[in-house]
Amino acid sequence: MKHDIDLFMERNFMGMHLKPPLFYRWPYGIRFEIAKPWADHEEPDNLRQMKERSLAIFNRVFSAADNMLIAADITFGQKKRMNLFKKCVKQKTILKRLQHRGDSRFYLRCTKGDIRFGNCCPSYAPKIFRIRDTILTSIF
């Protein structure tokens, strides 16, 4: 039996696998520079700009009712279970849709209106993603 993600990728992306560098694995795409290339990643002004640009792009691309499938690769230390998406969803009931596959891949089927995108991006929300014994390796 195929998982939701496999069917989604077959239907929309000709079976492409989610793994870095994702941008270069698809023939079409637009790349946006959201950070200041010369600035330190953790610099407050750089983090502010990254958040503003990411949110602006996200809000222009997706409408509130658009369906999405968020995938995150997480490597655990001592913890066996974690709720990465807790701060990213507006209602806890959405978390019932969270699926786990393999050792490190988590999926959440949702709509734009279900999530707080500003809390879902590890690039500019590093405090949310600094969880002891846990490493977020990729989010798609």
N, C-alpha and C. Protein backbone atom coordinates (compact mmCIF):
# COMPACT_ATOMS: atom_id res chain seq x y z
N MET A 1 0.83 -1.18 0.00
CA MET A 1 0.00 0.00 0.00
C MET A 1 0.88 1.25 0.00
N LYS A 2 0.55 2.19 -0.84
CA LYS A 2 1.34 3.41 -0.93
C LYS A 2 0.88 4.43 0.10
N HIS A 3 1.83 5.21 0.60
CA HIS A 3 1.53 6.28 1.53
C HIS A 3 1.01 7.50 0.78
N ASP A 4 0.35 8.39 1.51
CA ASP A 4 -0.15 9.65 0.93
C ASP A 4 0.93 10.39 0.16
N ILE A 5 2.11 10.45 0.73
CA ILE A 5 3.18 11.23 0.11
C ILE A 5 3.58 10.63 -1.24
N ASP A 6 3.62 9.30 -1.33
CA ASP A 6 3.99 8.66 -2.60
C ASP A 6 2.96 8.98 -3.68
N LEU A 7 1.69 8.90 -3.34
CA LEU A 7 0.63 9.21 -4.29
C LEU A 7 0.67 10.68 -4.69
N PHE A 8 0.89 11.56 -3.71
CA PHE A 8 0.98 12.99 -3.98
C PHE A 8 2.14 13.30 -4.92
N MET A 9 3.30 12.72 -4.66
CA MET A 9 4.48 12.98 -5.48
C MET A 9 4.31 12.41 -6.89
N GLU A 10 3.70 11.23 -7.01
CA GLU A 10 3.45 10.66 -8.34
C GLU A 10 2.50 11.53 -9.14
N ARG A 11 1.43 11.97 -8.49
CA ARG A 11 0.39 12.74 -9.17
C ARG A 11 0.88 14.14 -9.56
N ASN A 12 1.67 14.78 -8.70
CA ASN A 12 2.04 16.17 -8.92
C ASN A 12 3.47 16.41 -9.39
N PHE A 13 4.37 15.47 -9.11
CA PHE A 13 5.79 15.70 -9.41
C PHE A 13 6.46 14.49 -10.05
N MET A 14 5.71 13.72 -10.81
CA MET A 14 6.24 12.57 -11.54
C MET A 14 7.10 11.66 -10.67
N GLY A 15 6.72 11.45 -9.42
CA GLY A 15 7.40 10.51 -8.55
C GLY A 15 8.72 10.98 -7.97
N MET A 16 9.03 12.26 -8.08
CA MET A 16 10.28 12.79 -7.53
C MET A 16 10.35 12.49 -6.02
N HIS A 17 11.53 12.15 -5.54
CA HIS A 17 11.73 11.87 -4.12
C HIS A 17 12.12 13.13 -3.37
N LEU A 18 11.60 13.28 -2.17
CA LEU A 18 11.94 14.43 -1.34
C LEU A 18 13.28 14.21 -0.67
N LYS A 19 14.29 14.85 -1.21
CA LYS A 19 15.61 14.84 -0.58
C LYS A 19 16.39 16.03 -1.13
N PRO A 20 17.25 16.59 -0.31
CA PRO A 20 18.03 17.75 -0.77
C PRO A 20 19.00 17.34 -1.88
N PRO A 21 19.31 18.22 -2.76
CA PRO A 21 18.79 19.56 -2.98
C PRO A 21 17.53 19.52 -3.84
N LEU A 22 16.40 19.69 -3.24
CA LEU A 22 15.10 19.56 -3.90
C LEU A 22 14.95 20.53 -5.07
N PHE A 23 15.41 21.76 -4.90
CA PHE A 23 15.27 22.78 -5.94
C PHE A 23 15.88 22.33 -7.26
N TYR A 24 16.99 21.64 -7.20
CA TYR A 24 17.69 21.23 -8.42
C TYR A 24 17.17 19.92 -9.01
N ARG A 25 16.25 19.28 -8.34
CA ARG A 25 15.72 18.00 -8.79
C ARG A 25 14.50 18.15 -9.69
N TRP A 26 13.98 19.35 -9.84
CA TRP A 26 12.78 19.61 -10.63
C TRP A 26 13.14 20.60 -11.73
N PRO A 27 12.68 20.38 -12.97
CA PRO A 27 13.10 21.25 -14.07
C PRO A 27 12.56 22.68 -14.01
N TYR A 28 11.52 22.91 -13.23
CA TYR A 28 10.93 24.25 -13.17
C TYR A 28 11.01 24.78 -11.75
N GLY A 29 11.26 26.04 -11.62
CA GLY A 29 11.28 26.62 -10.28
C GLY A 29 11.82 28.04 -10.30
N ILE A 30 11.50 28.72 -9.25
CA ILE A 30 12.00 30.07 -9.04
C ILE A 30 12.71 30.06 -7.70
N ARG A 31 13.88 30.61 -7.67
CA ARG A 31 14.64 30.65 -6.43
C ARG A 31 14.64 32.08 -5.90
N PHE A 32 14.31 32.21 -4.62
CA PHE A 32 14.29 33.51 -3.97
C PHE A 32 15.38 33.57 -2.91
N GLU A 33 16.12 34.64 -2.90
CA GLU A 33 17.12 34.87 -1.85
C GLU A 33 16.39 35.57 -0.71
N ILE A 34 16.21 34.88 0.41
CA ILE A 34 15.47 35.50 1.51
C ILE A 34 16.40 36.07 2.57
N ALA A 35 17.65 35.65 2.58
CA ALA A 35 18.61 36.14 3.58
C ALA A 35 19.59 37.11 2.93
N LYS A 36 20.27 37.85 3.76
CA LYS A 36 21.35 38.71 3.28
C LYS A 36 22.59 37.82 3.17
N PRO A 37 23.10 37.59 1.96
CA PRO A 37 24.21 36.66 1.78
C PRO A 37 25.45 37.01 2.60
N TRP A 38 25.69 38.28 2.86
CA TRP A 38 26.89 38.71 3.58
C TRP A 38 26.70 38.70 5.09
N ALA A 39 25.48 38.53 5.57
CA ALA A 39 25.20 38.65 7.00
C ALA A 39 25.27 37.30 7.70
N ASP A 40 25.58 37.35 8.99
CA ASP A 40 25.56 36.16 9.83
C ASP A 40 24.12 35.65 9.90
N HIS A 41 23.96 34.35 9.80
CA HIS A 41 22.61 33.77 9.77
C HIS A 41 21.77 34.14 10.99
N GLU A 42 22.38 34.19 12.16
CA GLU A 42 21.65 34.47 13.41
C GLU A 42 21.50 35.96 13.71
N GLU A 43 22.02 36.82 12.87
CA GLU A 43 21.91 38.26 13.09
C GLU A 43 20.43 38.66 13.11
N PRO A 44 19.97 39.40 14.13
CA PRO A 44 18.55 39.74 14.26
C PRO A 44 17.94 40.40 13.03
N ASP A 45 18.65 41.32 12.40
CA ASP A 45 18.11 41.98 11.21
C ASP A 45 17.97 41.00 10.05
N ASN A 46 18.90 40.08 9.94
CA ASN A 46 18.84 39.05 8.90
C ASN A 46 17.65 38.12 9.16
N LEU A 47 17.46 37.69 10.40
CA LEU A 47 16.33 36.82 10.75
C LEU A 47 15.00 37.52 10.46
N ARG A 48 14.93 38.81 10.77
CA ARG A 48 13.71 39.58 10.51
C ARG A 48 13.41 39.62 9.01
N GLN A 49 14.45 39.89 8.22
CA GLN A 49 14.27 39.94 6.77
C GLN A 49 13.86 38.58 6.22
N MET A 50 14.46 37.52 6.70
CA MET A 50 14.12 36.17 6.24
C MET A 50 12.65 35.87 6.52
N LYS A 51 12.20 36.24 7.70
CA LYS A 51 10.80 35.99 8.06
C LYS A 51 9.87 36.81 7.18
N GLU A 52 10.15 38.08 7.01
CA GLU A 52 9.30 38.95 6.19
C GLU A 52 9.21 38.45 4.75
N ARG A 53 10.34 38.12 4.17
CA ARG A 53 10.35 37.66 2.78
C ARG A 53 9.66 36.30 2.62
N SER A 54 9.93 35.39 3.54
CA SER A 54 9.29 34.07 3.47
C SER A 54 7.78 34.18 3.59
N LEU A 55 7.32 34.97 4.55
CA LEU A 55 5.88 35.15 4.74
C LEU A 55 5.23 35.82 3.53
N ALA A 56 5.90 36.81 2.96
CA ALA A 56 5.36 37.50 1.78
C ALA A 56 5.21 36.53 0.61
N ILE A 57 6.22 35.72 0.37
CA ILE A 57 6.16 34.74 -0.73
C ILE A 57 5.06 33.72 -0.45
N PHE A 58 5.05 33.18 0.76
CA PHE A 58 4.06 32.17 1.14
C PHE A 58 2.64 32.71 0.97
N ASN A 59 2.39 33.92 1.44
CA ASN A 59 1.04 34.50 1.38
C ASN A 59 0.60 34.83 -0.04
N ARG A 60 1.54 35.13 -0.92
CA ARG A 60 1.17 35.41 -2.32
C ARG A 60 0.96 34.13 -3.13
N VAL A 61 1.66 33.08 -2.76
CA VAL A 61 1.58 31.84 -3.53
C VAL A 61 0.35 31.00 -3.14
N PHE A 62 0.03 30.95 -1.85
CA PHE A 62 -1.05 30.08 -1.36
C PHE A 62 -2.25 30.87 -0.89
N SER A 63 -3.45 30.33 -1.17
CA SER A 63 -4.67 30.90 -0.60
C SER A 63 -5.01 30.09 0.66
N ALA A 64 -5.89 30.61 1.49
CA ALA A 64 -6.20 29.97 2.78
C ALA A 64 -6.72 28.54 2.62
N ALA A 65 -7.39 28.25 1.52
CA ALA A 65 -7.98 26.93 1.32
C ALA A 65 -7.07 25.95 0.57
N ASP A 66 -5.91 26.39 0.13
CA ASP A 66 -5.00 25.50 -0.61
C ASP A 66 -4.54 24.34 0.26
N ASN A 67 -4.60 23.14 -0.32
CA ASN A 67 -4.11 21.95 0.37
C ASN A 67 -2.60 21.89 0.27
N MET A 68 -1.97 21.42 1.33
CA MET A 68 -0.52 21.24 1.30
C MET A 68 -0.13 20.02 2.11
N LEU A 69 1.02 19.53 1.84
CA LEU A 69 1.58 18.40 2.55
C LEU A 69 2.97 18.83 3.00
N ILE A 70 3.14 19.01 4.30
CA ILE A 70 4.42 19.44 4.85
C ILE A 70 5.19 18.19 5.26
N ALA A 71 6.43 18.09 4.82
CA ALA A 71 7.28 16.96 5.18
C ALA A 71 8.49 17.48 5.93
N ALA A 72 8.88 16.78 6.99
CA ALA A 72 10.05 17.18 7.77
C ALA A 72 10.86 15.93 8.12
N ASP A 73 12.17 16.01 7.93
CA ASP A 73 13.08 14.94 8.35
C ASP A 73 13.66 15.34 9.69
N ILE A 74 13.50 14.47 10.67
CA ILE A 74 13.95 14.76 12.03
C ILE A 74 14.78 13.59 12.52
N THR A 75 15.95 13.87 13.04
CA THR A 75 16.80 12.85 13.63
C THR A 75 16.71 12.99 15.14
N PHE A 76 16.42 11.90 15.82
CA PHE A 76 16.24 11.92 17.26
C PHE A 76 17.51 11.51 17.98
N GLY A 77 17.71 12.04 19.17
CA GLY A 77 18.76 11.58 20.06
C GLY A 77 18.12 10.53 20.95
N GLN A 78 17.91 10.86 22.21
CA GLN A 78 17.32 9.93 23.16
C GLN A 78 15.80 9.87 23.06
N LYS A 79 15.18 10.91 22.57
CA LYS A 79 13.72 10.94 22.52
C LYS A 79 13.19 10.01 21.44
N LYS A 80 12.12 9.32 21.75
CA LYS A 80 11.49 8.43 20.78
C LYS A 80 10.33 9.11 20.07
N ARG A 81 9.75 10.11 20.72
CA ARG A 81 8.58 10.75 20.14
C ARG A 81 8.68 12.25 20.30
N MET A 82 8.26 12.97 19.30
CA MET A 82 8.30 14.43 19.39
C MET A 82 7.18 15.02 18.56
N ASN A 83 6.73 16.17 18.97
CA ASN A 83 5.65 16.83 18.25
C ASN A 83 6.19 18.11 17.64
N LEU A 84 6.90 17.99 16.55
CA LEU A 84 7.52 19.12 15.87
C LEU A 84 6.50 20.18 15.47
N PHE A 85 5.34 19.74 15.06
CA PHE A 85 4.37 20.65 14.45
C PHE A 85 3.48 21.37 15.46
N LYS A 86 3.66 21.11 16.74
CA LYS A 86 2.77 21.67 17.76
C LYS A 86 2.63 23.19 17.67
N LYS A 87 3.73 23.89 17.50
CA LYS A 87 3.68 25.35 17.43
C LYS A 87 3.35 25.87 16.04
N CYS A 88 3.28 24.97 15.08
CA CYS A 88 3.01 25.38 13.70
C CYS A 88 1.54 25.32 13.33
N VAL A 89 0.73 24.63 14.12
CA VAL A 89 -0.69 24.51 13.78
C VAL A 89 -1.53 25.43 14.64
N LYS A 90 -2.65 25.87 14.07
CA LYS A 90 -3.55 26.77 14.79
C LYS A 90 -4.44 26.01 15.76
N GLN A 91 -4.80 24.77 15.42
CA GLN A 91 -5.64 23.95 16.28
C GLN A 91 -4.98 22.59 16.48
N LYS A 92 -4.97 22.11 17.71
CA LYS A 92 -4.32 20.83 18.02
C LYS A 92 -4.94 19.65 17.28
N THR A 93 -6.22 19.75 16.91
CA THR A 93 -6.87 18.64 16.20
C THR A 93 -6.19 18.34 14.87
N ILE A 94 -5.52 19.32 14.30
CA ILE A 94 -4.80 19.13 13.03
C ILE A 94 -3.69 18.08 13.22
N LEU A 95 -3.13 18.01 14.43
CA LEU A 95 -2.03 17.08 14.69
C LEU A 95 -2.44 15.62 14.55
N LYS A 96 -3.73 15.34 14.58
CA LYS A 96 -4.19 13.95 14.40
C LYS A 96 -3.87 13.45 12.99
N ARG A 97 -3.61 14.37 12.08
CA ARG A 97 -3.27 14.01 10.70
C ARG A 97 -1.77 13.73 10.52
N LEU A 98 -0.98 13.99 11.54
CA LEU A 98 0.46 13.81 11.45
C LEU A 98 0.79 12.34 11.22
N GLN A 99 1.59 12.07 10.20
CA GLN A 99 2.01 10.71 9.87
C GLN A 99 3.51 10.59 10.03
N HIS A 100 3.95 9.41 10.43
CA HIS A 100 5.37 9.14 10.60
C HIS A 100 5.73 7.97 9.69
N ARG A 101 6.86 8.10 9.01
CA ARG A 101 7.29 7.03 8.12
C ARG A 101 8.80 6.85 8.24
N GLY A 102 9.22 5.64 8.43
CA GLY A 102 10.64 5.36 8.55
C GLY A 102 11.19 5.87 9.87
N ASP A 103 12.49 6.12 9.89
CA ASP A 103 13.15 6.56 11.11
C ASP A 103 12.97 8.04 11.38
N SER A 104 12.83 8.86 10.34
CA SER A 104 12.92 10.29 10.58
C SER A 104 11.93 11.17 9.82
N ARG A 105 11.10 10.64 8.97
CA ARG A 105 10.24 11.48 8.13
C ARG A 105 8.84 11.60 8.72
N PHE A 106 8.38 12.85 8.84
CA PHE A 106 7.04 13.16 9.31
C PHE A 106 6.30 13.95 8.24
N TYR A 107 4.99 13.71 8.11
CA TYR A 107 4.15 14.39 7.14
C TYR A 107 2.92 14.96 7.83
N LEU A 108 2.50 16.11 7.36
CA LEU A 108 1.26 16.70 7.85
C LEU A 108 0.46 17.23 6.66
N ARG A 109 -0.71 16.65 6.44
CA ARG A 109 -1.62 17.12 5.40
C ARG A 109 -2.47 18.21 6.03
N CYS A 110 -2.49 19.39 5.40
CA CYS A 110 -3.21 20.53 5.97
C CYS A 110 -3.54 21.54 4.88
N THR A 111 -4.12 22.66 5.29
CA THR A 111 -4.34 23.78 4.38
C THR A 111 -3.53 24.96 4.91
N LYS A 112 -3.37 25.95 4.09
CA LYS A 112 -2.65 27.15 4.53
C LYS A 112 -3.32 27.73 5.77
N GLY A 113 -4.65 27.68 5.80
CA GLY A 113 -5.40 28.22 6.94
C GLY A 113 -5.22 27.44 8.23
N ASP A 114 -4.68 26.21 8.15
CA ASP A 114 -4.47 25.38 9.34
C ASP A 114 -3.18 25.70 10.08
N ILE A 115 -2.24 26.35 9.41
CA ILE A 115 -0.91 26.49 10.00
C ILE A 115 -0.52 27.94 10.26
N ARG A 116 0.45 28.08 11.15
CA ARG A 116 1.12 29.36 11.39
C ARG A 116 2.48 29.25 10.70
N PHE A 117 2.52 29.67 9.46
CA PHE A 117 3.73 29.49 8.67
C PHE A 117 4.94 30.16 9.32
N GLY A 118 4.73 31.28 9.98
CA GLY A 118 5.83 31.98 10.64
C GLY A 118 6.52 31.15 11.69
N ASN A 119 5.84 30.14 12.23
CA ASN A 119 6.43 29.27 13.24
C ASN A 119 6.99 27.98 12.65
N CYS A 120 6.81 27.77 11.36
CA CYS A 120 7.19 26.50 10.74
C CYS A 120 8.55 26.50 10.05
N CYS A 121 9.18 27.63 9.95
CA CYS A 121 10.42 27.71 9.19
C CYS A 121 11.63 27.77 10.12
N PRO A 122 12.46 26.74 10.13
CA PRO A 122 13.62 26.72 11.02
C PRO A 122 14.66 27.78 10.68
N SER A 123 14.63 28.32 9.48
CA SER A 123 15.61 29.33 9.09
C SER A 123 15.53 30.57 9.95
N TYR A 124 14.32 31.01 10.23
CA TYR A 124 14.18 32.26 10.99
C TYR A 124 13.46 32.07 12.31
N ALA A 125 13.14 30.85 12.67
CA ALA A 125 12.54 30.57 13.97
C ALA A 125 13.39 29.53 14.70
N PRO A 126 14.70 29.81 14.85
CA PRO A 126 15.59 28.78 15.37
C PRO A 126 15.27 28.32 16.79
N LYS A 127 14.70 29.18 17.62
CA LYS A 127 14.41 28.78 19.00
C LYS A 127 13.35 27.69 19.04
N ILE A 128 12.40 27.72 18.12
CA ILE A 128 11.36 26.69 18.08
C ILE A 128 11.98 25.34 17.74
N PHE A 129 13.00 25.34 16.90
CA PHE A 129 13.56 24.09 16.41
C PHE A 129 14.79 23.63 17.19
N ARG A 130 15.16 24.32 18.24
CA ARG A 130 16.26 23.86 19.09
C ARG A 130 15.68 23.03 20.22
N ILE A 131 15.46 21.78 19.93
CA ILE A 131 14.88 20.87 20.90
C ILE A 131 15.97 19.87 21.28
N ARG A 132 16.19 19.69 22.57
CA ARG A 132 17.28 18.85 23.05
C ARG A 132 17.24 17.46 22.43
N ASP A 133 18.38 16.98 22.02
CA ASP A 133 18.54 15.65 21.44
C ASP A 133 17.80 15.46 20.12
N THR A 134 17.43 16.54 19.47
CA THR A 134 16.70 16.44 18.22
C THR A 134 17.35 17.34 17.18
N ILE A 135 17.47 16.85 15.98
CA ILE A 135 18.03 17.64 14.90
C ILE A 135 17.06 17.63 13.74
N LEU A 136 16.62 18.81 13.33
CA LEU A 136 15.79 18.94 12.14
C LEU A 136 16.75 19.03 10.96
N THR A 137 16.68 18.05 10.06
CA THR A 137 17.63 18.05 8.96
C THR A 137 17.06 18.66 7.69
N SER A 138 15.76 18.52 7.44
CA SER A 138 15.14 19.09 6.25
C SER A 138 13.66 19.31 6.50
N ILE A 139 13.13 20.35 5.87
CA ILE A 139 11.68 20.57 5.87
C ILE A 139 11.29 20.95 4.45
N PHE A 140 10.26 20.29 3.94
CA PHE A 140 9.83 20.49 2.55
C PHE A 140 8.43 21.04 2.54
